[in-house]
Amino acid sequence: MFLNLWPEKMPSQWRLSLLMGLIVGSSIALTIFFVRAAVNQDLRRADQAIILDDLVEYAAIYTHSGVDGVQDVFPAGQHAESNGMRILDGNSAILYELIPEAMQHYPWPQKSPVELHKRGDTHQSEVTLNEAPYHFTLGAIRLHDGNILWFGRSSVEAERYLSNIQNHLWLAGIMAGLVAMLPVLWYSYDVINPIKAFTASAKRLHLPEGVVRLIAPTAIPELKTLASVINAGLDQILSLTRELQSTNDQLAHELRTPLARIRGNLEALHNHTDSPLAEDAAARSLEEIDRAAQLVQSILTIRGGDHGALRLHRQATPVSDLLEKLVDLFTPAAEDRGLKLSVVPGLDLMLNVDRELLTQAVANILDNALAYTPKGGVIIVHWHGEGTGAVICVDDSGPGVHPEEVHMIWERYNRGSAANSRHPGIGLGLSLVRAIATAHGGTVGVNNREGGGASFWIRLPQGV
């Protein structure tokens, strides 16, 4: 329910800090309010008790020694800022008075209270002025001779006491606030930091090697358990993936000989049959066998490239000649799809590469460009030198590549989110491109273009 209190992108540490600060600050304010009210009430009761005791005490002194006795004792025992005294006779004349300057602006009675009828009767009242910083409590007692003794006490000392208590409460609150921040530090170190480590690890889960795992050694037990469960699942997935790839590689290797025999039998049937229907069926079967054989060969090429076992038949190859011939080959297919395919002339570069495999790699990229670029789009093939090698690029105006799929699309049997039923395939084309580039000691990649579309590239060294 606290989510709507904060900006959406505010880090959790700041949210928790502000929440703890709000809770601690409110608790301190409420504590100071109630403590001050309670202590203030107790101090007022204490003032009333003190006034009553002093009235009785000075009445006894007056009875024993008269006004002179009070005049001798009161100045010596009072607090100059907080206590005052006035003695009135029966005609309201002042017999004695000692009122501190700080208390003179309070109204002192000029006559005796009506409720004081007999000796020892007392009366108390409280006076508060808006312009005065303190309240003032007055007490009166009827003396044995009918005179009235007034004793006044201000809240100066009580306010100082309250202020001192309030300062200590604030200090205690600040210390409590600092202690309350300890859970925030714990939360940041044992919860937030491990989650950030999980996120950083999760961003690398798509890497080809597939061995990245969630790591957070300082996490709380619950997060460690979560990481352990996820890592166990990733280990199982990696094991199954490797087993599947190994099975595919082995199956492809074993299928080459049976496919070759079947093709030989179909060729014999095609060449020796007198039936037009049998001849047509044999021709169509040969096409399917060639497609299956090509698929098997692609899997074996990818396997050889990934494991560094692909045999290359290198020869000096002009980059411009290879790419221009490919563009000429694909131009009719591009025109049929309403696309404009062109090649930008570049430097006359010579690479020592396997011409057939490199042609196959670039052809696979062109196949994808023709398949995914919408009608009216443009495909451009260009190249440039880099060191002693070259970078071959194929730019298209298609949908581009999702940022999270930039690495994934180069893996076997992985197709980008732009693929659909109109684009048949099992996800071997780009993995074959990567395997061929790797076998040549090169690299591959893709960048999304600012104006839309993607730019696939193959970086190749000069070769030896």
Protein backbone atom coordinates (compact mmCIF):
# COMPACT_ATOMS: atom_id res chain seq x y z
CA MET A 1 0.00 0.00 0.00
CA PHE A 2 3.05 2.24 0.29
CA LEU A 3 3.96 1.89 -3.42
CA ASN A 4 1.83 4.88 -4.44
CA LEU A 5 3.61 7.15 -1.96
CA TRP A 6 6.90 7.19 -3.91
CA PRO A 7 8.00 7.90 -7.47
CA GLU A 8 8.05 4.69 -9.51
CA LYS A 9 11.80 4.75 -10.18
CA MET A 10 12.88 5.61 -6.62
CA PRO A 11 15.35 2.96 -5.32
CA SER A 12 14.10 0.69 -2.54
CA GLN A 13 16.80 1.92 -0.15
CA TRP A 14 15.48 5.46 -0.38
CA ARG A 15 11.90 4.29 -0.01
CA LEU A 16 12.74 2.34 3.13
CA SER A 17 14.86 5.21 4.49
CA LEU A 18 12.07 7.73 3.97
CA LEU A 19 9.51 5.35 5.46
CA MET A 20 11.68 4.71 8.52
CA GLY A 21 12.35 8.44 8.84
CA LEU A 22 8.62 9.15 8.69
CA ILE A 23 7.83 6.51 11.30
CA VAL A 24 10.67 7.52 13.66
CA GLY A 25 9.98 11.25 13.23
CA SER A 26 6.27 10.79 13.93
CA SER A 27 7.05 8.61 16.96
CA ILE A 28 9.46 11.21 18.34
CA ALA A 29 6.98 14.05 17.80
CA LEU A 30 4.14 12.13 19.46
CA THR A 31 6.38 11.10 22.36
CA ILE A 32 7.54 14.68 22.96
CA PHE A 33 3.96 15.96 22.73
CA PHE A 34 2.52 13.52 25.27
CA VAL A 35 5.55 13.62 27.60
CA ARG A 36 5.55 17.42 27.60
CA ALA A 37 1.80 17.51 28.32
CA ALA A 38 2.13 14.97 31.15
CA VAL A 39 5.20 16.62 32.71
CA ASN A 40 3.63 20.09 32.39
CA GLN A 41 0.54 18.88 34.22
CA ASP A 42 2.67 17.34 36.96
CA LEU A 43 4.73 20.52 37.28
CA ARG A 44 1.60 22.62 37.69
CA ARG A 45 0.41 20.31 40.43
CA ALA A 46 3.84 20.58 42.03
CA ASP A 47 3.68 24.39 41.85
CA GLN A 48 0.30 24.34 43.52
CA ALA A 49 1.64 22.12 46.29
CA ILE A 50 4.70 24.35 46.73
CA ILE A 51 2.51 27.45 46.92
CA LEU A 52 0.29 25.83 49.56
CA ASP A 53 3.32 24.78 51.63
CA ASP A 54 4.87 28.27 51.38
CA LEU A 55 1.60 29.93 52.33
CA VAL A 56 1.37 27.82 55.48
CA GLU A 57 5.06 28.36 56.25
CA TYR A 58 4.99 32.15 55.86
CA ALA A 59 1.69 32.36 57.74
CA ALA A 60 3.43 30.66 60.68
CA ILE A 61 6.36 33.08 60.42
CA TYR A 62 3.92 36.01 60.30
CA THR A 63 2.10 34.72 63.36
CA HIS A 64 5.36 34.44 65.26
CA SER A 65 7.28 37.49 64.04
CA GLY A 66 4.83 39.65 62.11
CA VAL A 67 5.63 41.46 58.88
CA ASP A 68 9.24 42.02 59.95
CA GLY A 69 9.80 38.29 60.30
CA VAL A 70 8.41 37.63 56.82
CA GLN A 71 10.46 40.51 55.44
CA ASP A 72 13.61 38.96 56.89
CA VAL A 73 12.96 35.39 55.76
CA PHE A 74 11.33 35.72 52.32
CA PRO A 75 14.12 37.54 50.40
CA ALA A 76 16.69 35.05 51.64
CA GLY A 77 14.79 31.93 50.57
CA GLN A 78 13.06 32.88 47.35
CA HIS A 79 14.08 32.58 43.71
CA ALA A 80 14.21 36.14 42.42
CA GLU A 81 12.71 35.30 39.00
CA SER A 82 9.92 32.92 39.98
CA ASN A 83 8.44 33.90 43.43
CA GLY A 84 6.71 37.03 44.66
CA MET A 85 4.84 38.10 47.82
CA ARG A 86 2.35 40.74 48.93
CA ILE A 87 0.69 41.24 52.37
CA LEU A 88 -2.53 43.29 52.57
CA ASP A 89 -4.35 44.53 55.67
CA GLY A 90 -8.08 44.55 56.14
CA ASN A 91 -8.39 47.81 54.17
CA SER A 92 -6.41 46.37 51.21
CA ALA A 93 -3.39 48.50 52.08
CA ILE A 94 -0.03 46.93 51.22
CA LEU A 95 1.94 46.09 54.34
CA TYR A 96 4.79 44.34 52.52
CA GLU A 97 5.57 43.56 48.91
CA LEU A 98 8.43 41.94 47.02
CA ILE A 99 7.61 41.25 43.38
CA PRO A 100 10.44 40.48 40.87
CA GLU A 101 10.55 42.63 37.76
CA ALA A 102 9.70 39.64 35.53
CA MET A 103 6.43 39.17 37.44
CA GLN A 104 5.25 42.76 37.71
CA HIS A 105 3.29 42.73 34.45
CA TYR A 106 0.98 40.06 35.91
CA PRO A 107 -2.14 41.46 37.68
CA TRP A 108 -1.74 41.14 41.46
CA PRO A 109 -5.05 41.32 43.42
CA GLN A 110 -5.70 44.50 45.36
CA LYS A 111 -8.10 42.95 47.87
CA SER A 112 -8.70 39.67 49.61
CA PRO A 113 -10.72 36.84 47.98
CA VAL A 114 -14.27 36.63 49.21
CA GLU A 115 -13.94 32.91 50.05
CA LEU A 116 -11.33 33.52 52.78
CA HIS A 117 -13.61 33.73 55.86
CA LYS A 118 -11.51 32.47 58.71
CA ARG A 119 -7.92 32.03 59.71
CA GLY A 120 -6.00 29.47 57.58
CA ASP A 121 -8.38 29.51 54.65
CA THR A 122 -6.49 29.34 51.35
CA HIS A 123 -7.21 30.19 47.75
CA GLN A 124 -5.32 29.51 44.48
CA SER A 125 -5.81 30.79 40.92
CA GLU A 126 -3.84 30.79 37.68
CA VAL A 127 -3.24 33.85 35.52
CA THR A 128 -2.20 33.65 31.87
CA LEU A 129 -1.39 36.59 29.62
CA ASN A 130 -1.13 36.28 25.84
CA GLU A 131 1.96 38.50 25.73
CA ALA A 132 3.64 36.73 28.63
CA PRO A 133 5.82 33.66 27.92
CA TYR A 134 4.93 31.92 31.20
CA HIS A 135 1.81 31.31 33.25
CA PHE A 136 1.47 32.65 36.80
CA THR A 137 -0.09 30.88 39.80
CA LEU A 138 -1.32 32.90 42.83
CA GLY A 139 -2.15 31.66 46.31
CA ALA A 140 -3.68 33.50 49.26
CA ILE A 141 -4.13 32.66 52.97
CA ARG A 142 -6.02 34.53 55.72
CA LEU A 143 -3.67 35.31 58.62
CA HIS A 144 -4.57 35.21 62.29
CA ASP A 145 -5.18 38.96 62.43
CA GLY A 146 -7.42 39.04 59.35
CA ASN A 147 -4.72 40.26 56.97
CA ILE A 148 -4.13 38.46 53.61
CA LEU A 149 -0.82 37.02 52.47
CA TRP A 150 -0.47 36.57 48.72
CA PHE A 151 2.23 34.29 47.30
CA GLY A 152 2.84 34.13 43.52
CA ARG A 153 4.91 31.68 41.53
CA SER A 154 5.66 31.81 37.76
CA SER A 155 6.40 28.83 35.52
CA VAL A 156 9.95 30.01 34.64
CA GLU A 157 11.66 27.09 36.32
CA ALA A 158 9.03 24.63 35.05
CA GLU A 159 9.50 25.82 31.47
CA ARG A 160 13.26 25.47 31.80
CA TYR A 161 12.76 21.99 33.13
CA LEU A 162 10.37 21.13 30.27
CA SER A 163 12.79 22.57 27.72
CA ASN A 164 15.60 20.48 29.18
CA ILE A 165 13.45 17.33 29.02
CA GLN A 166 12.41 18.17 25.43
CA ASN A 167 16.04 18.62 24.34
CA HIS A 168 16.96 15.28 25.85
CA LEU A 169 13.97 13.66 24.14
CA TRP A 170 15.04 15.09 20.79
CA LEU A 171 18.58 13.82 21.36
CA ALA A 172 17.20 10.39 22.27
CA GLY A 173 14.97 10.50 19.18
CA ILE A 174 17.89 11.32 16.90
CA MET A 175 19.88 8.44 18.38
CA ALA A 176 16.85 6.17 17.93
CA GLY A 177 16.58 7.36 14.33
CA LEU A 178 20.20 6.47 13.70
CA VAL A 179 19.64 3.04 15.24
CA ALA A 180 16.49 2.67 13.10
CA MET A 181 18.66 3.14 9.99
CA LEU A 182 20.53 -0.08 10.81
CA PRO A 183 17.76 -2.21 9.22
CA VAL A 184 18.08 -0.05 6.10
CA LEU A 185 21.81 -0.82 5.93
CA TRP A 186 21.08 -4.51 6.46
CA TYR A 187 18.36 -4.39 3.80
CA SER A 188 20.74 -2.74 1.32
CA TYR A 189 23.62 -5.14 1.98
CA ASP A 190 21.82 -8.47 2.35
CA VAL A 191 18.76 -7.92 0.12
CA ILE A 192 19.18 -5.13 -2.45
CA ASN A 193 22.83 -5.79 -3.35
CA PRO A 194 22.22 -9.54 -3.89
CA ILE A 195 19.17 -8.73 -6.03
CA LYS A 196 21.32 -6.37 -8.12
CA ALA A 197 23.89 -9.16 -8.44
CA PHE A 198 21.08 -11.52 -9.53
CA THR A 199 19.96 -8.98 -12.13
CA ALA A 200 23.49 -8.53 -13.48
CA SER A 201 23.87 -12.31 -13.70
CA ALA A 202 20.45 -12.72 -15.33
CA LYS A 203 21.39 -10.21 -18.05
CA ARG A 204 24.21 -12.57 -19.06
CA LEU A 205 22.16 -15.77 -19.07
CA HIS A 206 21.67 -15.45 -22.82
CA LEU A 207 25.41 -15.70 -23.53
CA PRO A 208 26.30 -18.60 -25.84
CA GLU A 209 28.32 -20.60 -23.32
CA GLY A 210 25.25 -20.92 -21.08
CA VAL A 211 27.32 -21.29 -17.89
CA VAL A 212 26.39 -18.00 -16.20
CA ARG A 213 24.69 -18.53 -12.85
CA LEU A 214 23.07 -16.37 -10.17
CA ILE A 215 25.70 -15.51 -7.57
CA ALA A 216 25.10 -13.65 -4.29
CA PRO A 217 27.28 -14.95 -1.42
CA THR A 218 26.09 -12.27 1.04
CA ALA A 219 22.36 -12.74 0.37
CA ILE A 220 19.80 -13.69 3.00
CA PRO A 221 18.98 -17.43 3.21
CA GLU A 222 15.73 -17.06 1.25
CA LEU A 223 17.52 -15.42 -1.70
CA LYS A 224 20.29 -18.01 -1.56
CA THR A 225 17.66 -20.74 -1.75
CA LEU A 226 16.01 -18.98 -4.71
CA ALA A 227 19.37 -18.69 -6.49
CA SER A 228 20.12 -22.36 -5.79
CA VAL A 229 16.78 -23.49 -7.26
CA ILE A 230 17.21 -21.32 -10.38
CA ASN A 231 20.81 -22.43 -10.86
CA ALA A 232 19.79 -26.08 -10.55
CA GLY A 233 17.21 -25.54 -13.28
CA LEU A 234 19.77 -23.78 -15.49
CA ASP A 235 22.22 -26.65 -14.98
CA GLN A 236 19.57 -29.13 -16.05
CA ILE A 237 18.67 -27.04 -19.10
CA LEU A 238 22.35 -26.73 -20.07
CA SER A 239 22.85 -30.47 -19.67
CA LEU A 240 19.79 -31.25 -21.80
CA THR A 241 20.83 -28.70 -24.43
CA ARG A 242 24.32 -30.15 -24.71
CA GLU A 243 22.90 -33.65 -24.86
CA LEU A 244 20.49 -32.57 -27.60
CA GLN A 245 23.24 -30.88 -29.59
CA SER A 246 25.47 -33.91 -29.24
CA THR A 247 22.62 -36.17 -30.36
CA ASN A 248 21.91 -33.93 -33.35
CA ASP A 249 25.56 -33.89 -34.34
CA GLN A 250 25.82 -37.66 -34.06
CA LEU A 251 22.56 -38.16 -35.90
CA ALA A 252 23.64 -35.86 -38.69
CA HIS A 253 26.94 -37.72 -39.00
CA GLU A 254 25.16 -41.07 -39.17
CA LEU A 255 22.60 -39.85 -41.71
CA ARG A 256 25.10 -38.88 -44.39
CA THR A 257 25.74 -42.44 -45.62
CA PRO A 258 22.05 -43.57 -45.71
CA LEU A 259 21.04 -40.37 -47.49
CA ALA A 260 23.80 -40.87 -50.06
CA ARG A 261 22.64 -44.45 -50.72
CA ILE A 262 19.01 -43.40 -51.03
CA ARG A 263 20.02 -40.67 -53.47
CA GLY A 264 21.98 -43.15 -55.53
CA ASN A 265 19.00 -45.51 -55.72
CA LEU A 266 16.68 -42.65 -56.71
CA GLU A 267 19.06 -41.52 -59.43
CA ALA A 268 19.16 -45.06 -60.81
CA LEU A 269 15.35 -45.20 -60.75
CA HIS A 270 15.12 -41.79 -62.40
CA ASN A 271 17.53 -42.71 -65.17
CA HIS A 272 16.15 -46.17 -65.97
CA THR A 273 12.39 -45.88 -65.55
CA ASP A 274 10.06 -45.65 -68.50
CA SER A 275 7.15 -44.34 -66.42
CA PRO A 276 6.71 -40.55 -66.47
CA LEU A 277 5.01 -40.70 -63.05
CA ALA A 278 7.90 -42.68 -61.53
CA GLU A 279 10.41 -40.33 -63.11
CA ASP A 280 8.60 -37.27 -61.68
CA ALA A 281 8.32 -38.87 -58.23
CA ALA A 282 12.02 -39.76 -58.32
CA ALA A 283 12.94 -36.18 -59.30
CA ARG A 284 10.90 -34.72 -56.45
CA SER A 285 12.38 -37.23 -54.03
CA LEU A 286 15.88 -36.27 -55.17
CA GLU A 287 15.08 -32.64 -54.35
CA GLU A 288 13.94 -33.61 -50.87
CA ILE A 289 17.01 -35.80 -50.37
CA ASP A 290 19.26 -32.89 -51.44
CA ARG A 291 17.46 -30.60 -48.95
CA ALA A 292 17.92 -33.14 -46.16
CA ALA A 293 21.55 -33.67 -47.13
CA GLN A 294 22.11 -29.90 -47.08
CA LEU A 295 20.56 -29.73 -43.62
CA VAL A 296 22.83 -32.53 -42.39
CA GLN A 297 25.83 -30.81 -43.91
CA SER A 298 24.88 -27.52 -42.25
CA ILE A 299 24.70 -29.20 -38.84
CA LEU A 300 28.09 -30.83 -39.37
CA THR A 301 29.60 -27.54 -40.57
CA ILE A 302 28.27 -25.74 -37.51
CA ARG A 303 29.65 -28.47 -35.27
CA GLY A 304 33.06 -28.29 -36.97
CA GLY A 305 33.15 -24.51 -36.76
CA ASP A 306 32.17 -24.42 -33.07
CA HIS A 307 34.79 -27.05 -32.17
CA GLY A 308 37.57 -25.73 -34.42
CA ALA A 309 37.49 -28.91 -36.52
CA LEU A 310 36.14 -27.45 -39.78
CA ARG A 311 38.54 -28.01 -42.66
CA LEU A 312 39.04 -24.94 -44.83
CA HIS A 313 40.19 -24.88 -48.43
CA ARG A 314 41.67 -21.42 -48.46
CA GLN A 315 42.41 -19.52 -51.63
CA ALA A 316 43.07 -15.90 -52.47
CA THR A 317 39.63 -14.40 -53.02
CA PRO A 318 38.76 -10.83 -54.12
CA VAL A 319 36.02 -9.60 -51.78
CA SER A 320 34.45 -7.41 -54.47
CA ASP A 321 34.22 -10.28 -56.97
CA LEU A 322 32.61 -12.64 -54.42
CA LEU A 323 30.00 -10.12 -53.24
CA GLU A 324 29.11 -8.77 -56.70
CA LYS A 325 28.45 -12.27 -57.98
CA LEU A 326 26.26 -13.02 -54.97
CA VAL A 327 24.26 -9.83 -55.50
CA ASP A 328 23.77 -10.71 -59.18
CA LEU A 329 22.57 -14.17 -58.10
CA PHE A 330 20.03 -12.80 -55.59
CA THR A 331 18.82 -9.82 -57.64
CA PRO A 332 16.02 -11.70 -59.47
CA ALA A 333 14.66 -13.05 -56.18
CA ALA A 334 14.79 -9.55 -54.67
CA GLU A 335 12.93 -8.06 -57.64
CA ASP A 336 10.24 -10.74 -57.35
CA ARG A 337 9.67 -9.60 -53.75
CA GLY A 338 9.60 -5.91 -54.68
CA LEU A 339 12.95 -5.20 -53.01
CA LYS A 340 15.92 -3.17 -54.16
CA LEU A 341 19.21 -5.09 -53.76
CA SER A 342 22.49 -3.33 -54.50
CA VAL A 343 26.19 -3.51 -53.75
CA VAL A 344 28.32 -0.51 -52.84
CA PRO A 345 31.77 -0.74 -54.46
CA GLY A 346 34.59 -0.70 -51.95
CA LEU A 347 38.30 -1.22 -51.72
CA ASP A 348 39.85 -3.94 -53.80
CA LEU A 349 40.57 -6.32 -50.92
CA MET A 350 42.01 -9.80 -51.16
CA LEU A 351 41.39 -12.39 -48.43
CA ASN A 352 42.77 -15.89 -48.02
CA VAL A 353 39.50 -17.70 -47.26
CA ASP A 354 37.43 -20.72 -48.14
CA ARG A 355 35.51 -19.15 -50.99
CA GLU A 356 32.68 -21.69 -50.99
CA LEU A 357 32.02 -21.45 -47.25
CA LEU A 358 32.24 -17.65 -47.18
CA THR A 359 29.82 -17.49 -50.11
CA GLN A 360 27.46 -19.74 -48.17
CA ALA A 361 27.71 -17.51 -45.07
CA VAL A 362 26.94 -14.28 -46.92
CA ALA A 363 24.18 -16.05 -48.88
CA ASN A 364 22.51 -17.09 -45.62
CA ILE A 365 22.49 -13.46 -44.44
CA LEU A 366 21.04 -12.35 -47.79
CA ASP A 367 18.35 -15.05 -47.54
CA ASN A 368 17.29 -13.64 -44.17
CA ALA A 369 17.34 -10.07 -45.48
CA LEU A 370 15.09 -11.00 -48.41
CA ALA A 371 12.74 -12.94 -46.10
CA TYR A 372 12.27 -10.26 -43.44
CA THR A 373 12.48 -7.00 -45.41
CA PRO A 374 8.98 -5.79 -46.36
CA LYS A 375 8.00 -4.99 -49.92
CA GLY A 376 9.55 -1.75 -51.16
CA GLY A 377 12.52 -2.16 -48.81
CA VAL A 378 16.19 -1.77 -49.56
CA ILE A 379 19.10 -4.20 -49.02
CA ILE A 380 22.65 -2.95 -49.39
CA VAL A 381 25.83 -5.04 -49.41
CA HIS A 382 29.11 -3.24 -48.66
CA TRP A 383 32.50 -3.87 -47.15
CA HIS A 384 35.51 -2.03 -45.79
CA GLY A 385 39.02 -2.83 -44.68
CA GLU A 386 39.95 -3.26 -41.04
CA GLY A 387 43.62 -3.82 -40.30
CA THR A 388 44.78 -6.52 -42.69
CA GLY A 389 41.30 -8.02 -42.86
CA ALA A 390 37.84 -6.91 -43.93
CA VAL A 391 34.31 -6.42 -42.59
CA ILE A 392 31.44 -7.51 -44.85
CA CYS A 393 28.06 -5.89 -44.08
CA VAL A 394 24.51 -6.53 -45.23
CA ASP A 395 22.11 -3.68 -44.35
CA ASP A 396 18.35 -4.05 -44.65
CA SER A 397 15.25 -1.96 -43.90
CA GLY A 398 13.39 -4.75 -42.12
CA PRO A 399 12.05 -4.89 -38.54
CA GLY A 400 15.50 -5.03 -36.96
CA VAL A 401 16.51 -7.28 -34.08
CA HIS A 402 15.13 -7.09 -30.54
CA PRO A 403 17.94 -5.93 -28.18
CA GLU A 404 17.54 -9.03 -26.02
CA GLU A 405 17.97 -11.29 -29.08
CA VAL A 406 21.20 -9.79 -30.43
CA HIS A 407 23.25 -12.73 -29.11
CA MET A 408 20.55 -15.41 -29.03
CA ILE A 409 19.85 -15.45 -32.79
CA TRP A 410 23.33 -16.83 -33.52
CA GLU A 411 22.66 -20.01 -31.55
CA ARG A 412 21.45 -23.23 -33.12
CA TYR A 413 17.67 -23.69 -33.33
CA ASN A 414 17.00 -20.15 -32.11
CA ARG A 415 14.89 -17.79 -34.19
CA GLY A 416 14.19 -14.14 -33.50
CA SER A 417 10.80 -12.81 -32.50
CA ALA A 418 10.29 -11.46 -36.04
CA ALA A 419 10.12 -15.03 -37.38
CA ASN A 420 6.70 -16.50 -38.14
CA SER A 421 5.02 -19.12 -40.27
CA ARG A 422 5.75 -17.14 -43.42
CA HIS A 423 9.48 -17.53 -42.78
CA PRO A 424 10.17 -21.27 -42.65
CA GLY A 425 13.33 -22.56 -41.01
CA ILE A 426 14.65 -24.24 -37.90
CA GLY A 427 17.17 -21.61 -36.83
CA LEU A 428 20.41 -22.91 -38.38
CA GLY A 429 21.18 -20.15 -40.88
CA LEU A 430 22.86 -17.60 -38.64
CA SER A 431 24.53 -20.26 -36.49
CA LEU A 432 26.10 -21.57 -39.71
CA VAL A 433 27.31 -18.04 -40.50
CA ARG A 434 28.91 -17.79 -37.07
CA ALA A 435 30.53 -21.24 -37.39
CA ILE A 436 32.09 -20.32 -40.75
CA ALA A 437 33.36 -16.98 -39.43
CA THR A 438 34.75 -18.67 -36.31
CA ALA A 439 36.55 -21.27 -38.43
CA HIS A 440 38.24 -18.40 -40.29
CA GLY A 441 39.25 -16.76 -37.01
CA GLY A 442 36.61 -14.05 -37.40
CA THR A 443 33.50 -12.84 -35.63
CA VAL A 444 29.91 -11.95 -36.47
CA GLY A 445 27.38 -9.49 -35.10
CA VAL A 446 24.35 -7.34 -35.76
CA ASN A 447 23.46 -3.71 -35.06
CA ASN A 448 20.09 -2.02 -35.33
CA ARG A 449 20.21 0.94 -37.68
CA GLU A 450 18.98 4.37 -36.58
CA GLY A 451 16.62 4.68 -39.54
CA GLY A 452 15.20 1.20 -39.00
CA GLY A 453 16.34 -2.23 -40.05
CA ALA A 454 19.45 -4.18 -39.14
CA SER A 455 23.07 -4.37 -40.23
CA PHE A 456 24.59 -7.88 -40.09
CA TRP A 457 28.37 -8.06 -40.37
CA ILE A 458 31.15 -10.63 -40.70
CA ARG A 459 34.62 -9.58 -39.56
CA LEU A 460 37.39 -11.67 -41.17
CA PRO A 461 41.17 -11.54 -40.79
CA GLN A 462 43.50 -11.69 -43.78
CA GLY A 463 44.06 -15.39 -43.31
CA VAL A 464 47.22 -17.46 -43.77
